[in-house]
Amino acid sequence: MLTVGDQFPQFALQAVVSREKGKEFTEINDKSYAGKWRVFFFWPMDFTFICPTEIAEFGRRSGDFADRDAQVLGVSTDTHFVHLAWRNHHDDLRDLKIPMLADTKRELSQALGILHKDGVPLRATFIVDPQGIIRWVSVNDLSVGRSVPEVLRVLDGLQTDELCPCNWQKGEATLNV
């Protein structure tokens, strides 16, 4: 599995970015959102139970990430057509403000080393800095959803470029050594 300090892989994937007719899909690649922090979160598959709780929460908090000059990108191995169908049929996903990327060939998931033995991505989260370097990785078992506030807390800490103690929160003092 790729980890902290590794370059995030190159990729080009179809994504659902809207439900508006004719504007549903676009290609997103490793050069998209140049100069921004990026938060990639992977989920096992669409039309499941834990996944929409995470996706909806990342969507609700997308403004908090944008305030930190970060773009959130959700990824699974379902097609962009399946992503769109799910958005159209799930109340919590209809007005989603973040792209849903389709890693249908599993190339990005495989390059990152996060494919479960069943062929679906693990619940992995990567914070990638503006230079494309992975700065944080978290991987959960398929049965446990992640904490979006923790992802924000870690992003805040990374963006200070200082030493942040245990349970540090934005606005608190960092360590001086």
Protein backbone atom coordinates (compact mmCIF):
# COMPACT_ATOMS: atom_id res chain seq x y z
CA MET A 1 0.00 0.00 0.00
CA LEU A 2 1.24 3.48 -0.81
CA THR A 3 1.79 5.55 2.29
CA VAL A 4 2.92 8.88 3.70
CA GLY A 5 5.66 10.44 1.57
CA ASP A 6 4.73 8.56 -1.62
CA GLN A 7 3.60 10.33 -4.78
CA PHE A 8 -0.12 9.86 -5.41
CA PRO A 9 -0.52 7.85 -8.65
CA GLN A 10 -1.47 9.32 -11.99
CA PHE A 11 -5.06 8.64 -12.99
CA ALA A 12 -7.86 9.74 -15.31
CA LEU A 13 -11.38 8.69 -14.28
CA GLN A 14 -14.94 9.51 -15.23
CA ALA A 15 -16.85 11.23 -12.45
CA VAL A 16 -20.39 12.24 -11.62
CA VAL A 17 -20.42 15.94 -10.79
CA SER A 18 -24.07 16.87 -11.29
CA ARG A 19 -27.57 15.54 -11.83
CA GLU A 20 -28.30 18.26 -14.40
CA LYS A 21 -29.06 16.76 -17.82
CA GLY A 22 -26.01 16.96 -20.09
CA LYS A 23 -23.69 18.03 -17.25
CA GLU A 24 -23.63 14.84 -15.20
CA PHE A 25 -20.14 13.59 -16.10
CA THR A 26 -16.62 14.88 -16.49
CA GLU A 27 -13.14 13.41 -16.49
CA ILE A 28 -11.04 14.09 -13.41
CA ASN A 29 -7.34 13.30 -13.39
CA ASP A 30 -4.27 13.72 -11.23
CA LYS A 31 -3.79 17.26 -12.63
CA SER A 32 -7.32 18.36 -11.71
CA TYR A 33 -7.43 20.76 -8.79
CA ALA A 34 -3.77 21.71 -9.28
CA GLY A 35 -2.34 23.65 -6.37
CA LYS A 36 -5.00 22.40 -3.94
CA TRP A 37 -4.93 19.85 -1.19
CA ARG A 38 -6.98 16.80 -2.16
CA VAL A 39 -8.81 14.36 0.06
CA PHE A 40 -9.57 11.04 -1.63
CA PHE A 41 -11.92 8.67 0.14
CA PHE A 42 -12.72 5.24 -1.23
CA TRP A 43 -15.79 3.14 -0.46
CA PRO A 44 -16.48 -0.50 -1.35
CA MET A 45 -19.56 -0.19 -3.58
CA ASP A 46 -22.67 1.81 -4.36
CA PHE A 47 -26.17 0.91 -3.17
CA THR A 48 -24.90 -0.25 0.22
CA PHE A 49 -25.52 0.89 3.78
CA ILE A 50 -22.44 2.44 5.45
CA CYS A 51 -21.15 4.10 2.27
CA PRO A 52 -23.93 6.70 1.83
CA THR A 53 -23.49 7.86 5.44
CA GLU A 54 -19.85 8.65 4.73
CA ILE A 55 -20.43 10.14 1.29
CA ALA A 56 -23.26 12.35 2.55
CA GLU A 57 -21.15 13.59 5.48
CA PHE A 58 -18.19 14.41 3.23
CA GLY A 59 -20.69 16.24 1.00
CA ARG A 60 -22.19 18.18 3.92
CA ARG A 61 -18.69 19.16 5.06
CA SER A 62 -17.39 20.01 1.56
CA GLY A 63 -17.48 23.73 2.40
CA ASP A 64 -15.25 23.11 5.41
CA PHE A 65 -12.73 21.41 3.13
CA ALA A 66 -13.04 24.20 0.53
CA ASP A 67 -12.31 26.74 3.30
CA ARG A 68 -9.00 24.89 3.74
CA ASP A 69 -8.24 24.99 0.00
CA ALA A 70 -8.95 21.26 -0.27
CA GLN A 71 -11.05 19.31 -2.75
CA VAL A 72 -12.82 16.15 -1.61
CA LEU A 73 -13.02 13.31 -4.15
CA GLY A 74 -15.03 10.14 -3.52
CA VAL A 75 -14.05 6.97 -5.35
CA SER A 76 -15.39 3.45 -5.81
CA THR A 77 -15.07 0.83 -8.51
CA ASP A 78 -18.67 1.25 -9.66
CA THR A 79 -19.26 2.94 -13.02
CA HIS A 80 -20.16 6.60 -13.32
CA PHE A 81 -23.59 5.47 -14.56
CA VAL A 82 -24.15 3.50 -11.34
CA HIS A 83 -22.97 6.51 -9.31
CA LEU A 84 -25.54 8.69 -11.10
CA ALA A 85 -28.33 6.17 -10.56
CA TRP A 86 -27.48 6.03 -6.85
CA ARG A 87 -27.47 9.82 -6.58
CA ASN A 88 -30.83 9.96 -8.33
CA HIS A 89 -32.37 7.39 -5.97
CA HIS A 90 -30.83 8.20 -2.59
CA ASP A 91 -32.17 11.24 -0.75
CA ASP A 92 -28.87 11.95 1.03
CA LEU A 93 -26.85 11.90 -2.22
CA ARG A 94 -29.10 13.88 -4.59
CA ASP A 95 -27.52 17.27 -3.92
CA LEU A 96 -23.99 16.01 -3.34
CA LYS A 97 -21.37 18.73 -3.78
CA ILE A 98 -18.39 16.46 -4.36
CA PRO A 99 -17.38 14.37 -7.39
CA MET A 100 -17.95 10.62 -7.37
CA LEU A 101 -15.11 9.03 -9.35
CA ALA A 102 -15.47 5.69 -11.13
CA ASP A 103 -12.38 3.48 -10.83
CA THR A 104 -14.05 0.76 -12.88
CA LYS A 105 -10.79 -0.83 -14.04
CA ARG A 106 -9.54 -0.78 -10.44
CA GLU A 107 -6.27 0.78 -11.62
CA LEU A 108 -6.15 3.57 -9.03
CA SER A 109 -7.28 1.30 -6.18
CA GLN A 110 -4.70 -1.27 -7.23
CA ALA A 111 -1.90 1.31 -7.57
CA LEU A 112 -2.69 2.52 -4.05
CA GLY A 113 -2.78 -1.05 -2.73
CA ILE A 114 -6.23 -0.77 -1.16
CA LEU A 115 -8.16 -3.52 -2.92
CA HIS A 116 -9.83 -5.96 -0.56
CA LYS A 117 -9.48 -9.64 -1.45
CA ASP A 118 -13.12 -9.45 -2.64
CA GLY A 119 -12.08 -6.93 -5.33
CA VAL A 120 -13.64 -3.81 -3.79
CA PRO A 121 -11.70 -0.90 -2.31
CA LEU A 122 -11.23 -0.76 1.43
CA ARG A 123 -12.53 2.33 3.25
CA ALA A 124 -9.30 4.22 2.61
CA THR A 125 -8.72 7.95 2.96
CA PHE A 126 -5.72 9.83 1.57
CA ILE A 127 -4.82 13.45 2.19
CA VAL A 128 -2.60 14.63 -0.66
CA ASP A 129 -0.73 17.93 -0.57
CA PRO A 130 -0.64 20.42 -3.47
CA GLN A 131 2.58 18.79 -4.77
CA GLY A 132 0.84 15.39 -5.05
CA ILE A 133 2.54 13.83 -2.02
CA ILE A 134 0.49 11.60 0.28
CA ARG A 135 0.57 13.19 3.73
CA TRP A 136 -1.94 10.99 5.59
CA VAL A 137 -3.53 7.58 5.07
CA SER A 138 -6.27 5.87 7.03
CA VAL A 139 -7.85 2.54 6.17
CA ASN A 140 -10.89 1.06 7.88
CA ASP A 141 -12.31 -2.43 7.70
CA LEU A 142 -15.31 -2.69 5.39
CA SER A 143 -17.72 -2.78 8.34
CA VAL A 144 -16.67 0.51 10.01
CA GLY A 145 -17.33 4.00 8.67
CA ARG A 146 -14.74 6.72 8.99
CA SER A 147 -14.83 10.02 10.89
CA VAL A 148 -15.02 13.10 8.66
CA PRO A 149 -14.21 15.45 11.59
CA GLU A 150 -10.98 13.49 12.13
CA VAL A 151 -10.04 13.94 8.46
CA LEU A 152 -10.60 17.69 8.85
CA ARG A 153 -8.58 17.74 12.09
CA VAL A 154 -5.63 16.00 10.43
CA LEU A 155 -5.83 18.29 7.40
CA ASP A 156 -5.75 21.30 9.74
CA GLY A 157 -2.71 19.88 11.49
CA LEU A 158 -0.87 19.16 8.26
CA GLN A 159 -1.57 22.65 7.00
CA THR A 160 0.08 24.24 10.07
CA ASP A 161 3.38 22.61 9.05
CA GLU A 162 4.10 22.51 12.80
CA LEU A 163 4.13 19.87 15.53
CA CYS A 164 0.57 19.11 16.64
CA PRO A 165 0.06 17.13 19.87
CA CYS A 166 -2.45 14.38 20.50
CA ASN A 167 -6.07 15.54 20.13
CA TRP A 168 -4.91 18.92 18.80
CA GLN A 169 -7.67 21.06 17.29
CA LYS A 170 -7.44 24.01 14.91
CA GLY A 171 -6.79 27.21 16.84
CA GLU A 172 -4.95 25.47 19.69
CA ALA A 173 -1.25 25.95 20.34
CA THR A 174 1.20 23.73 18.54
CA LEU A 175 4.37 22.37 20.19
CA ASN A 176 7.48 24.52 20.39
CA VAL A 177 10.68 22.55 20.74
